[in-house]
N, C-alpha and C. Protein backbone atom coordinates (compact mmCIF):
# COMPACT_ATOMS: atom_id res chain seq x y z
N MET A 1 35.24 51.26 24.72
CA MET A 1 34.47 50.36 25.55
C MET A 1 35.05 49.44 26.57
N ASN A 2 34.63 49.55 27.83
CA ASN A 2 35.26 48.84 28.88
C ASN A 2 35.03 47.33 28.96
N SER A 3 35.71 46.69 29.73
CA SER A 3 35.53 45.25 29.76
C SER A 3 34.08 44.92 30.10
N ALA A 4 33.51 45.67 31.00
CA ALA A 4 32.11 45.32 31.37
C ALA A 4 31.21 45.31 30.28
N ASP A 5 31.32 46.48 29.46
CA ASP A 5 30.51 46.58 28.31
C ASP A 5 30.74 45.35 27.29
N ARG A 6 31.79 45.01 27.13
CA ARG A 6 32.24 43.97 26.15
C ARG A 6 31.62 42.75 26.64
N HIS A 7 31.68 42.46 28.02
CA HIS A 7 31.17 41.19 28.65
C HIS A 7 29.52 41.08 28.39
N ILE A 8 28.89 42.27 28.63
CA ILE A 8 27.58 42.17 28.41
C ILE A 8 27.12 42.13 26.93
N LYS A 9 27.93 42.58 26.04
CA LYS A 9 27.65 42.62 24.54
C LYS A 9 27.75 40.97 24.23
N SER A 10 28.90 40.30 24.76
CA SER A 10 29.02 39.09 24.29
C SER A 10 27.99 38.13 24.80
N GLU A 11 27.48 38.23 26.18
CA GLU A 11 26.50 37.55 26.74
C GLU A 11 25.23 37.64 25.86
N THR A 12 24.97 38.95 25.42
CA THR A 12 23.65 39.01 24.66
C THR A 12 23.74 38.42 23.20
N VAL A 13 24.91 38.45 22.71
CA VAL A 13 25.27 37.68 21.40
C VAL A 13 25.04 36.14 21.64
N ILE A 14 25.41 35.72 22.68
CA ILE A 14 25.22 34.23 22.97
C ILE A 14 23.92 33.73 23.04
N GLN A 15 23.07 34.67 23.74
CA GLN A 15 21.57 34.37 24.07
C GLN A 15 20.87 34.39 22.86
N ILE A 16 21.11 35.51 21.95
CA ILE A 16 20.38 35.62 20.67
C ILE A 16 20.61 34.43 19.91
N ALA A 17 21.72 34.05 19.68
CA ALA A 17 22.23 32.77 18.93
C ALA A 17 21.57 31.51 19.54
N SER A 18 21.30 31.36 20.73
CA SER A 18 20.67 30.23 21.11
C SER A 18 19.16 30.20 21.28
N VAL A 19 18.54 31.39 20.89
CA VAL A 19 17.02 31.42 20.96
C VAL A 19 16.47 30.59 19.78
N GLY A 20 17.20 30.39 18.51
CA GLY A 20 16.75 29.61 17.57
C GLY A 20 16.90 27.84 17.75
N LYS A 21 17.33 27.80 18.79
CA LYS A 21 17.69 26.43 19.26
C LYS A 21 16.73 25.83 20.39
N LEU A 22 15.88 26.75 20.91
CA LEU A 22 15.05 26.33 22.05
C LEU A 22 13.85 25.46 21.51
N ASN A 23 13.63 24.80 22.29
CA ASN A 23 12.32 23.88 22.13
C ASN A 23 12.53 22.98 20.89
N PRO A 24 13.56 22.12 20.57
CA PRO A 24 13.77 21.43 19.25
C PRO A 24 12.67 20.38 19.22
N GLU A 25 12.16 20.21 17.89
CA GLU A 25 11.24 19.10 17.93
C GLU A 25 11.97 17.75 18.10
N PRO A 26 11.18 16.97 19.21
CA PRO A 26 11.82 15.80 19.43
C PRO A 26 11.67 14.78 18.25
N ILE A 27 12.69 14.07 18.17
CA ILE A 27 12.60 12.88 17.35
C ILE A 27 12.46 11.58 17.90
N LEU A 28 11.19 11.11 17.83
CA LEU A 28 10.90 9.88 18.70
C LEU A 28 11.09 8.62 17.77
N PRO A 29 11.53 7.56 18.45
CA PRO A 29 11.63 6.15 17.58
C PRO A 29 10.45 5.78 16.80
N GLY A 30 10.49 5.44 15.68
CA GLY A 30 9.43 5.01 14.91
C GLY A 30 8.61 6.21 14.14
N ASN A 31 9.11 7.44 14.29
CA ASN A 31 8.24 8.53 13.76
C ASN A 31 8.45 8.64 12.25
N THR A 32 9.46 7.74 11.72
CA THR A 32 9.72 7.65 10.16
C THR A 32 8.66 6.95 9.43
N ALA A 33 8.04 6.00 10.18
CA ALA A 33 6.88 5.22 9.61
C ALA A 33 5.70 5.66 9.97
N SER A 34 4.78 5.85 8.79
CA SER A 34 3.51 6.26 9.29
C SER A 34 2.58 5.19 9.65
N THR A 35 2.72 4.04 9.13
CA THR A 35 1.85 2.88 9.41
C THR A 35 2.67 1.69 10.34
N SER A 36 2.07 1.33 11.31
CA SER A 36 2.57 0.22 12.26
C SER A 36 2.94 -0.94 11.27
N ARG A 37 4.12 -1.54 11.80
CA ARG A 37 4.50 -2.76 11.06
C ARG A 37 3.42 -3.91 11.30
N LEU A 38 2.89 -4.13 12.25
CA LEU A 38 1.84 -4.95 12.57
C LEU A 38 0.72 -5.10 11.67
N LEU A 39 0.38 -3.94 11.30
CA LEU A 39 -0.73 -3.58 10.36
C LEU A 39 -0.46 -4.10 9.15
N TRP A 40 1.03 -4.02 8.53
CA TRP A 40 1.35 -4.41 7.44
C TRP A 40 1.45 -5.83 7.12
N ILE A 41 1.82 -6.66 8.21
CA ILE A 41 1.87 -7.95 8.50
C ILE A 41 0.44 -8.59 8.41
N CYS A 42 -0.46 -7.92 9.07
CA CYS A 42 -1.91 -8.35 9.27
C CYS A 42 -2.52 -8.33 7.88
N ALA A 43 -2.20 -7.32 7.18
CA ALA A 43 -2.63 -6.95 5.81
C ALA A 43 -2.33 -8.12 4.88
N TYR A 44 -1.09 -8.38 4.99
CA TYR A 44 -0.50 -9.18 3.97
C TYR A 44 -1.10 -10.48 4.09
N VAL A 45 -1.22 -11.03 5.44
CA VAL A 45 -1.65 -12.48 5.74
C VAL A 45 -3.08 -12.56 5.33
N ILE A 46 -3.97 -11.34 5.74
CA ILE A 46 -5.42 -11.36 5.23
C ILE A 46 -5.39 -11.45 3.55
N LEU A 47 -4.76 -10.75 2.81
CA LEU A 47 -4.72 -10.73 1.53
C LEU A 47 -4.42 -12.10 0.89
N MET A 48 -3.33 -12.76 1.41
CA MET A 48 -2.96 -14.00 0.99
C MET A 48 -3.96 -15.15 1.31
N VAL A 49 -4.65 -15.15 2.52
CA VAL A 49 -5.84 -15.83 2.73
C VAL A 49 -6.90 -15.74 1.72
N LEU A 50 -7.20 -14.43 1.30
CA LEU A 50 -8.22 -14.23 0.32
C LEU A 50 -7.63 -14.99 -1.15
N VAL A 51 -6.76 -14.77 -1.33
CA VAL A 51 -6.09 -15.17 -2.75
C VAL A 51 -6.05 -16.73 -2.67
N ALA A 52 -5.81 -17.42 -1.55
CA ALA A 52 -5.69 -18.83 -1.45
C ALA A 52 -7.27 -19.08 -1.44
N LEU A 53 -8.12 -18.40 -1.01
CA LEU A 53 -9.50 -18.95 -1.28
C LEU A 53 -10.13 -18.75 -2.49
N ARG A 54 -9.48 -17.94 -3.47
CA ARG A 54 -9.60 -17.76 -4.89
C ARG A 54 -9.04 -18.90 -5.61
N LEU A 55 -8.23 -19.89 -5.15
CA LEU A 55 -7.38 -20.90 -5.81
C LEU A 55 -8.38 -21.90 -6.62
N PRO A 56 -9.63 -22.26 -5.97
CA PRO A 56 -10.25 -23.24 -6.78
C PRO A 56 -11.08 -22.56 -7.88
N LEU A 57 -11.41 -21.20 -7.76
CA LEU A 57 -11.89 -20.55 -8.99
C LEU A 57 -10.93 -20.41 -9.99
N THR A 58 -9.69 -20.06 -9.45
CA THR A 58 -8.75 -19.90 -10.51
C THR A 58 -8.39 -21.24 -11.25
N LYS A 59 -8.43 -22.35 -10.65
CA LYS A 59 -8.07 -23.64 -11.19
C LYS A 59 -9.19 -23.89 -12.17
N GLN A 60 -10.58 -23.69 -11.91
CA GLN A 60 -11.54 -23.83 -12.64
C GLN A 60 -11.57 -22.94 -13.98
N TYR A 61 -11.25 -21.77 -13.68
CA TYR A 61 -11.15 -20.67 -14.73
C TYR A 61 -10.02 -21.28 -15.81
N LEU A 62 -8.91 -21.77 -15.36
CA LEU A 62 -7.79 -22.09 -16.21
C LEU A 62 -8.15 -23.27 -17.01
N SER A 63 -9.10 -24.26 -16.17
CA SER A 63 -9.50 -25.67 -16.88
C SER A 63 -10.40 -25.40 -18.00
N GLU A 64 -11.24 -24.39 -17.81
CA GLU A 64 -12.25 -23.90 -18.99
C GLU A 64 -11.57 -23.49 -19.98
N ARG A 65 -10.65 -22.96 -20.03
CA ARG A 65 -10.00 -22.19 -21.17
C ARG A 65 -8.69 -22.89 -21.65
N VAL A 66 -8.41 -24.36 -21.39
CA VAL A 66 -7.48 -25.15 -22.03
C VAL A 66 -8.10 -25.34 -23.39
N PRO A 67 -7.41 -24.90 -24.58
CA PRO A 67 -7.75 -25.36 -25.89
C PRO A 67 -8.04 -26.87 -26.13
N ALA A 68 -9.08 -27.08 -27.15
CA ALA A 68 -9.26 -28.45 -27.37
C ALA A 68 -8.31 -29.42 -27.89
N ASP A 69 -7.31 -28.88 -28.59
CA ASP A 69 -6.19 -29.36 -29.20
C ASP A 69 -5.32 -29.70 -28.20
N VAL A 70 -4.96 -29.09 -27.28
CA VAL A 70 -4.11 -29.27 -25.97
C VAL A 70 -4.80 -30.44 -25.13
N ARG A 71 -5.99 -30.39 -24.92
CA ARG A 71 -6.70 -31.69 -24.26
C ARG A 71 -6.56 -32.87 -25.26
N ALA A 72 -6.80 -32.83 -26.41
CA ALA A 72 -6.52 -34.14 -27.22
C ALA A 72 -5.01 -34.51 -27.25
N GLU A 73 -4.16 -33.61 -27.34
CA GLU A 73 -2.80 -34.06 -27.24
C GLU A 73 -2.38 -34.64 -25.83
N LEU A 74 -2.90 -34.12 -24.68
CA LEU A 74 -2.46 -34.77 -23.40
C LEU A 74 -3.16 -36.18 -23.41
N GLY A 75 -4.49 -36.27 -23.72
CA GLY A 75 -5.30 -37.35 -23.81
C GLY A 75 -5.74 -37.93 -22.35
N ASP A 76 -4.94 -37.67 -21.26
CA ASP A 76 -5.33 -38.04 -19.89
C ASP A 76 -5.92 -36.86 -19.25
N ASP A 77 -7.03 -36.90 -18.69
CA ASP A 77 -7.60 -36.03 -18.02
C ASP A 77 -6.87 -35.82 -16.62
N ARG A 78 -6.25 -36.65 -16.07
CA ARG A 78 -5.50 -36.67 -14.95
C ARG A 78 -4.22 -36.00 -15.16
N LEU A 79 -3.68 -36.22 -16.21
CA LEU A 79 -2.37 -35.36 -16.40
C LEU A 79 -2.80 -33.73 -16.54
N LEU A 80 -3.97 -33.50 -17.21
CA LEU A 80 -4.38 -32.23 -17.51
C LEU A 80 -4.69 -31.76 -16.11
N SER A 81 -5.27 -32.41 -15.47
CA SER A 81 -5.63 -31.73 -14.07
C SER A 81 -4.47 -31.50 -13.02
N LEU A 82 -3.47 -32.37 -13.34
CA LEU A 82 -2.06 -32.19 -12.58
C LEU A 82 -1.34 -30.93 -12.99
N SER A 83 -1.36 -30.83 -14.37
CA SER A 83 -0.94 -29.60 -14.93
C SER A 83 -1.46 -28.23 -14.51
N ILE A 84 -2.83 -28.27 -14.31
CA ILE A 84 -3.52 -27.17 -13.96
C ILE A 84 -3.22 -26.84 -12.45
N THR A 85 -3.24 -27.95 -11.73
CA THR A 85 -2.86 -27.85 -10.25
C THR A 85 -1.42 -27.23 -9.96
N VAL A 86 -0.51 -27.56 -10.68
CA VAL A 86 0.96 -27.09 -10.61
C VAL A 86 0.95 -25.68 -10.92
N GLY A 87 0.24 -25.41 -11.97
CA GLY A 87 0.25 -23.90 -12.51
C GLY A 87 -0.62 -23.17 -11.49
N THR A 88 -1.72 -23.52 -10.91
CA THR A 88 -2.35 -22.78 -9.78
C THR A 88 -1.36 -22.55 -8.73
N VAL A 89 -0.46 -23.56 -8.15
CA VAL A 89 0.26 -23.24 -7.16
C VAL A 89 1.55 -22.45 -7.55
N ILE A 90 1.87 -22.35 -8.74
CA ILE A 90 2.84 -21.49 -9.22
C ILE A 90 2.42 -20.02 -9.04
N PHE A 91 1.19 -19.85 -9.63
CA PHE A 91 0.47 -18.66 -9.63
C PHE A 91 0.37 -18.14 -8.23
N PHE A 92 0.01 -19.04 -7.16
CA PHE A 92 0.00 -18.41 -5.74
C PHE A 92 1.30 -18.07 -5.14
N LEU A 93 2.36 -18.79 -5.57
CA LEU A 93 3.75 -18.48 -5.14
C LEU A 93 3.99 -17.29 -5.64
N MET A 94 3.85 -16.95 -6.96
CA MET A 94 4.36 -15.82 -7.58
C MET A 94 3.49 -14.55 -7.22
N TYR A 95 2.14 -14.60 -6.81
CA TYR A 95 1.31 -13.82 -6.31
C TYR A 95 1.86 -13.19 -5.21
N ALA A 96 2.19 -14.24 -4.26
CA ALA A 96 2.68 -13.96 -2.86
C ALA A 96 4.07 -12.88 -2.90
N VAL A 97 4.94 -13.22 -3.91
CA VAL A 97 6.07 -12.56 -4.03
C VAL A 97 5.58 -11.13 -4.40
N ILE A 98 4.78 -11.06 -5.49
CA ILE A 98 4.44 -9.79 -5.99
C ILE A 98 3.77 -8.87 -4.95
N MET A 99 2.88 -9.71 -4.37
CA MET A 99 2.11 -8.72 -3.20
C MET A 99 3.14 -8.29 -2.06
N GLY A 100 4.18 -9.06 -1.97
CA GLY A 100 5.10 -8.61 -0.85
C GLY A 100 5.96 -7.23 -1.39
N LEU A 101 6.29 -7.31 -2.74
CA LEU A 101 6.83 -6.18 -3.40
C LEU A 101 6.04 -5.15 -3.44
N TYR A 102 4.88 -5.35 -3.70
CA TYR A 102 3.77 -4.09 -3.92
C TYR A 102 3.46 -3.48 -2.39
N LEU A 103 3.33 -4.15 -1.39
CA LEU A 103 3.19 -3.74 -0.04
C LEU A 103 4.36 -3.07 0.53
N SER A 104 5.76 -3.36 -0.07
CA SER A 104 6.78 -2.89 0.35
C SER A 104 6.85 -1.33 -0.23
N LEU A 105 6.65 -1.50 -1.48
CA LEU A 105 6.58 -0.10 -2.39
C LEU A 105 5.61 0.82 -1.58
N ALA A 106 4.38 0.29 -1.07
CA ALA A 106 3.31 1.22 -0.43
C ALA A 106 4.01 1.69 0.80
N ALA A 107 4.64 0.71 1.53
CA ALA A 107 5.24 1.02 2.79
C ALA A 107 6.28 2.14 2.67
N LEU A 108 7.12 2.14 1.49
CA LEU A 108 8.13 3.24 1.30
C LEU A 108 7.48 4.60 1.06
N LEU A 109 6.33 4.64 0.36
CA LEU A 109 5.73 5.69 -0.13
C LEU A 109 5.07 6.38 1.12
N ASP A 110 4.49 5.49 2.04
CA ASP A 110 3.79 5.81 3.25
C ASP A 110 4.94 6.53 4.17
N ARG A 111 5.96 6.02 4.15
CA ARG A 111 6.92 6.56 5.14
C ARG A 111 7.65 7.78 4.51
N ARG A 112 7.82 7.96 3.33
CA ARG A 112 8.68 9.02 2.62
C ARG A 112 7.81 10.23 2.19
N LEU A 113 6.59 9.76 1.61
CA LEU A 113 5.85 11.08 1.18
C LEU A 113 4.96 11.72 2.13
N VAL A 114 4.20 10.95 2.86
CA VAL A 114 3.17 11.57 3.74
C VAL A 114 3.50 10.75 5.21
N PRO A 115 4.28 11.40 6.02
CA PRO A 115 4.79 11.00 7.27
C PRO A 115 3.54 10.95 8.30
N GLY A 116 2.63 11.80 8.11
CA GLY A 116 1.48 11.92 8.94
C GLY A 116 0.71 10.71 9.12
N LYS A 117 0.12 10.56 10.22
CA LYS A 117 -0.65 9.32 10.52
C LYS A 117 -1.91 9.46 11.30
N VAL A 118 -2.73 8.57 11.45
CA VAL A 118 -3.94 8.54 12.28
C VAL A 118 -3.62 7.43 13.38
N ARG A 119 -3.79 7.90 14.57
CA ARG A 119 -3.50 7.03 15.65
C ARG A 119 -4.81 6.07 16.07
N MET A 120 -4.52 4.84 16.14
CA MET A 120 -5.69 3.97 16.53
C MET A 120 -5.52 3.29 17.85
N GLY A 121 -6.30 2.56 18.51
CA GLY A 121 -6.09 1.92 19.80
C GLY A 121 -4.82 1.14 19.78
N ARG A 122 -4.35 0.98 21.14
CA ARG A 122 -3.14 0.29 21.29
C ARG A 122 -1.94 0.59 20.73
N GLY A 123 -1.70 1.86 20.41
CA GLY A 123 -0.47 2.33 19.71
C GLY A 123 -0.30 1.90 18.45
N LEU A 124 -1.30 1.80 17.54
CA LEU A 124 -1.20 1.46 16.05
C LEU A 124 -1.41 2.70 15.38
N ASN A 125 -0.81 2.78 14.45
CA ASN A 125 -0.88 4.04 13.62
C ASN A 125 -1.07 3.68 12.04
N VAL A 126 -2.01 4.52 11.39
CA VAL A 126 -2.17 4.20 9.76
C VAL A 126 -1.93 5.37 9.12
N GLY A 127 -1.36 5.16 8.04
CA GLY A 127 -0.87 6.31 7.00
C GLY A 127 -1.89 6.15 5.72
N VAL A 128 -1.62 7.12 4.91
CA VAL A 128 -2.41 7.27 3.81
C VAL A 128 -2.33 6.16 2.84
N PHE A 129 -0.99 5.80 2.37
CA PHE A 129 -0.67 4.83 1.38
C PHE A 129 -1.06 3.60 1.87
N PHE A 130 -0.95 3.12 3.21
CA PHE A 130 -1.67 1.83 3.64
C PHE A 130 -2.97 1.69 3.30
N VAL A 131 -3.73 2.88 3.80
CA VAL A 131 -5.26 2.65 3.38
C VAL A 131 -5.49 2.40 1.91
N ILE A 132 -4.63 2.99 0.98
CA ILE A 132 -4.94 3.02 -0.39
C ILE A 132 -4.54 1.51 -0.77
N ALA A 133 -3.41 1.14 -0.39
CA ALA A 133 -3.06 -0.26 -0.84
C ALA A 133 -3.84 -1.33 -0.30
N MET A 134 -4.53 -1.15 0.69
CA MET A 134 -5.46 -2.25 1.41
C MET A 134 -6.80 -2.05 0.41
N LEU A 135 -7.37 -0.87 0.45
CA LEU A 135 -8.54 -0.77 -0.40
C LEU A 135 -8.51 -1.29 -2.01
N ALA A 136 -7.08 -1.11 -2.43
CA ALA A 136 -7.00 -1.55 -3.81
C ALA A 136 -6.93 -3.12 -4.11
N THR A 137 -6.53 -3.75 -2.79
CA THR A 137 -6.28 -5.21 -3.03
C THR A 137 -7.37 -6.03 -2.36
N ILE A 138 -7.56 -5.75 -1.17
CA ILE A 138 -8.51 -6.58 -0.18
C ILE A 138 -9.97 -6.84 -0.75
N PRO A 139 -10.74 -5.57 -1.13
CA PRO A 139 -11.89 -5.43 -1.50
C PRO A 139 -12.19 -6.29 -2.83
N PRO A 140 -11.40 -6.15 -3.77
CA PRO A 140 -11.35 -6.92 -5.00
C PRO A 140 -11.50 -8.34 -4.71
N ASN A 141 -10.34 -8.65 -4.08
CA ASN A 141 -10.08 -10.19 -3.68
C ASN A 141 -11.33 -10.81 -2.86
N ALA A 142 -11.90 -9.85 -1.92
CA ALA A 142 -12.97 -10.45 -1.12
C ALA A 142 -14.35 -10.76 -2.11
N PHE A 143 -14.37 -9.66 -2.95
CA PHE A 143 -15.56 -9.71 -3.89
C PHE A 143 -15.53 -10.88 -4.81
N SER A 144 -14.36 -11.35 -5.21
CA SER A 144 -14.15 -12.51 -6.16
C SER A 144 -14.45 -13.64 -5.35
N VAL A 145 -14.10 -13.81 -3.93
CA VAL A 145 -14.48 -14.93 -3.31
C VAL A 145 -16.07 -14.98 -2.98
N ALA A 146 -16.49 -13.92 -2.64
CA ALA A 146 -17.79 -13.91 -2.40
C ALA A 146 -18.83 -14.12 -3.56
N SER A 147 -18.33 -13.60 -4.75
CA SER A 147 -19.27 -13.62 -5.90
C SER A 147 -19.11 -14.73 -6.72
N GLY A 148 -17.79 -15.48 -6.61
CA GLY A 148 -17.50 -16.51 -7.66
C GLY A 148 -16.80 -15.91 -8.91
N ILE A 149 -16.66 -14.72 -9.19
CA ILE A 149 -16.22 -14.02 -10.22
C ILE A 149 -14.84 -14.01 -10.13
N VAL A 150 -13.89 -14.61 -11.05
CA VAL A 150 -12.58 -14.82 -11.05
C VAL A 150 -11.85 -13.39 -11.42
N GLN A 151 -12.47 -12.63 -12.39
CA GLN A 151 -11.93 -11.46 -12.78
C GLN A 151 -12.98 -10.31 -12.61
N PRO A 152 -12.61 -9.70 -11.29
CA PRO A 152 -13.60 -8.49 -11.07
C PRO A 152 -13.64 -7.46 -11.91
N ARG A 153 -12.63 -7.44 -12.84
CA ARG A 153 -12.54 -6.21 -13.88
C ARG A 153 -13.67 -6.28 -14.84
N GLU A 154 -14.39 -7.50 -14.93
CA GLU A 154 -15.49 -7.62 -15.74
C GLU A 154 -16.69 -6.99 -15.23
N VAL A 155 -16.59 -6.69 -13.88
CA VAL A 155 -17.85 -6.25 -13.39
C VAL A 155 -18.07 -4.60 -13.73
N PRO A 156 -19.23 -4.20 -14.12
CA PRO A 156 -19.30 -2.77 -14.40
C PRO A 156 -18.93 -1.86 -13.25
N GLY A 157 -18.26 -0.77 -13.55
CA GLY A 157 -17.73 -0.02 -12.50
C GLY A 157 -16.44 -0.17 -11.75
N TYR A 158 -15.82 -1.19 -12.17
CA TYR A 158 -14.62 -1.66 -11.62
C TYR A 158 -13.43 -0.50 -12.02
N TRP A 159 -13.31 0.00 -13.07
CA TRP A 159 -12.24 0.93 -13.45
C TRP A 159 -12.62 2.17 -12.87
N TYR A 160 -13.78 2.63 -12.37
CA TYR A 160 -14.05 3.69 -11.56
C TYR A 160 -13.78 3.73 -10.22
N TYR A 161 -13.76 2.36 -9.81
CA TYR A 161 -13.55 2.44 -8.21
C TYR A 161 -12.23 2.84 -7.68
N PHE A 162 -11.38 2.42 -8.56
CA PHE A 162 -9.76 2.70 -7.91
C PHE A 162 -9.46 4.35 -7.83
N PRO A 163 -9.63 5.11 -9.02
CA PRO A 163 -9.54 6.41 -8.92
C PRO A 163 -10.40 7.13 -7.85
N PHE A 164 -11.64 6.80 -7.78
CA PHE A 164 -12.57 7.39 -6.73
C PHE A 164 -12.25 7.09 -5.25
N MET A 165 -11.87 5.78 -5.25
CA MET A 165 -11.24 5.38 -3.71
C MET A 165 -9.97 6.20 -3.46
N THR A 166 -8.92 6.31 -4.32
CA THR A 166 -7.72 7.05 -4.08
C THR A 166 -8.18 8.57 -3.83
N ALA A 167 -9.09 9.24 -4.57
CA ALA A 167 -9.40 10.45 -4.31
C ALA A 167 -10.05 10.59 -2.82
N LEU A 168 -10.77 9.71 -2.59
CA LEU A 168 -11.46 9.77 -1.23
C LEU A 168 -10.55 9.62 -0.04
N VAL A 169 -9.58 8.81 -0.23
CA VAL A 169 -8.64 8.50 0.96
C VAL A 169 -7.74 9.81 0.93
N LEU A 170 -7.15 10.23 -0.03
CA LEU A 170 -6.53 11.60 0.12
C LEU A 170 -7.14 12.65 0.72
N ALA A 171 -8.47 12.70 0.29
CA ALA A 171 -9.41 13.72 0.88
C ALA A 171 -9.72 13.60 2.42
N VAL A 172 -9.48 12.30 2.84
CA VAL A 172 -9.80 11.87 4.40
C VAL A 172 -8.40 12.43 4.94
N PHE A 173 -7.18 12.12 4.46
CA PHE A 173 -6.02 12.57 5.04
C PHE A 173 -5.49 13.76 4.55
N ARG A 174 -6.34 14.76 4.28
CA ARG A 174 -5.77 15.97 3.54
C ARG A 174 -5.04 16.86 4.61
N ARG A 175 -5.46 16.77 5.92
CA ARG A 175 -4.66 17.58 6.80
C ARG A 175 -3.21 17.25 6.89
N HIS A 176 -2.82 16.00 6.57
CA HIS A 176 -1.41 15.41 6.63
C HIS A 176 -0.51 16.01 5.34
N TRP A 177 -1.20 16.53 4.28
CA TRP A 177 -0.59 16.78 3.13
C TRP A 177 -0.66 18.14 2.61
N LEU A 178 -1.86 18.83 3.01
CA LEU A 178 -2.33 20.17 2.31
C LEU A 178 -1.24 21.23 2.58
N HIS A 179 -0.41 21.15 3.59
CA HIS A 179 0.59 22.27 3.96
C HIS A 179 1.78 22.19 3.12
N PHE A 180 1.95 20.87 2.09
CA PHE A 180 3.16 20.64 1.39
C PHE A 180 3.09 21.63 0.35
N SER A 181 4.28 21.65 -0.42
CA SER A 181 4.32 22.48 -1.51
C SER A 181 3.66 21.79 -2.78
N LEU A 182 3.24 22.76 -3.72
CA LEU A 182 2.53 22.26 -5.09
C LEU A 182 3.02 21.17 -5.64
N GLY A 183 4.45 21.02 -5.73
CA GLY A 183 5.04 19.91 -6.44
C GLY A 183 4.97 18.64 -5.60
N LYS A 184 5.15 18.83 -4.44
CA LYS A 184 4.95 17.48 -3.68
C LYS A 184 3.57 17.08 -3.53
N LYS A 185 2.56 18.10 -3.60
CA LYS A 185 1.13 17.72 -3.79
C LYS A 185 0.89 16.77 -4.89
N VAL A 186 1.40 17.16 -5.99
CA VAL A 186 1.27 16.49 -7.45
C VAL A 186 1.82 15.15 -7.36
N LEU A 187 3.03 15.13 -6.58
CA LEU A 187 3.78 13.93 -6.47
C LEU A 187 3.03 12.90 -5.73
N ILE A 188 2.36 13.41 -4.59
CA ILE A 188 1.53 12.40 -3.68
C ILE A 188 0.32 12.06 -4.47
N ALA A 189 -0.25 12.85 -5.16
CA ALA A 189 -1.44 12.48 -5.95
C ALA A 189 -1.21 11.34 -7.00
N LEU A 190 -0.01 11.69 -7.92
CA LEU A 190 0.32 10.72 -8.98
C LEU A 190 0.85 9.38 -8.36
N SER A 191 1.60 9.55 -7.12
CA SER A 191 2.01 8.20 -6.49
C SER A 191 0.79 7.22 -6.10
N ALA A 192 -0.16 8.01 -5.42
CA ALA A 192 -1.28 7.55 -4.88
C ALA A 192 -2.07 6.73 -5.99
N LEU A 193 -2.31 7.39 -7.24
CA LEU A 193 -3.15 6.97 -8.36
C LEU A 193 -2.36 5.58 -9.05
N THR A 194 -0.94 5.81 -9.18
CA THR A 194 -0.13 4.80 -9.55
C THR A 194 -0.46 3.44 -8.82
N LEU A 195 -0.25 3.68 -7.39
CA LEU A 195 -0.25 2.40 -6.55
C LEU A 195 -1.53 1.81 -6.65
N SER A 196 -2.61 2.55 -7.04
CA SER A 196 -4.02 1.89 -7.17
C SER A 196 -4.25 1.15 -8.40
N ALA A 197 -3.49 1.97 -9.30
CA ALA A 197 -3.66 1.58 -10.89
C ALA A 197 -2.90 0.18 -11.14
N ILE A 198 -1.75 -0.03 -10.43
CA ILE A 198 -1.06 -1.27 -10.50
C ILE A 198 -1.83 -2.29 -10.43
N VAL A 199 -2.78 -2.36 -9.16
CA VAL A 199 -3.71 -3.48 -8.90
C VAL A 199 -4.84 -3.54 -9.88
N ALA A 200 -5.17 -2.45 -10.39
CA ALA A 200 -6.42 -2.34 -11.32
C ALA A 200 -5.91 -3.06 -12.69
N ILE A 201 -4.79 -2.53 -13.11
CA ILE A 201 -4.19 -3.09 -14.35
C ILE A 201 -3.75 -4.54 -14.28
N GLY A 202 -3.08 -4.85 -13.15
CA GLY A 202 -2.61 -6.09 -12.99
C GLY A 202 -3.43 -7.29 -12.80
């Protein structure tokens, strides 16, 4: 084999090796997050506003369930009212922390399991776990404020809402996860059901 043949063969090998690297998929900033951060912040604010609106109902609920012997021991209704008010404020602060952790978990699942997203106006993106988290938290709190029912779980059909809602959201976003392996599909379904069940049970 002369030098010209060797040069042609080497050039062919280099070209073949380069084919697999043509047109790499661009990695754009923010592609790792399915839902825009602004939407998470807005959702948290809306949720906490609804919880704040529920505080009078919660205070009344606690007041009605104070045992008679405790009332007699305290003796002063003002002291009892102060104790209930402090308990209500502590409940609100704890709920704020818990909801922050809950939405952080939802954001992690949204980013890691189903990175596909639906684009909205003004550059906002919505992911599947964001929708599940919102539908699991905001409607029950809004219903409680509107109806005056402190515990929505006492309403018939409450326990059916969460699995039905989860299945519906997954169906709407199916094009983002149907191409995954069977194992990951099962993981996504279980994670989605768990995310909604946390609110239903809690």
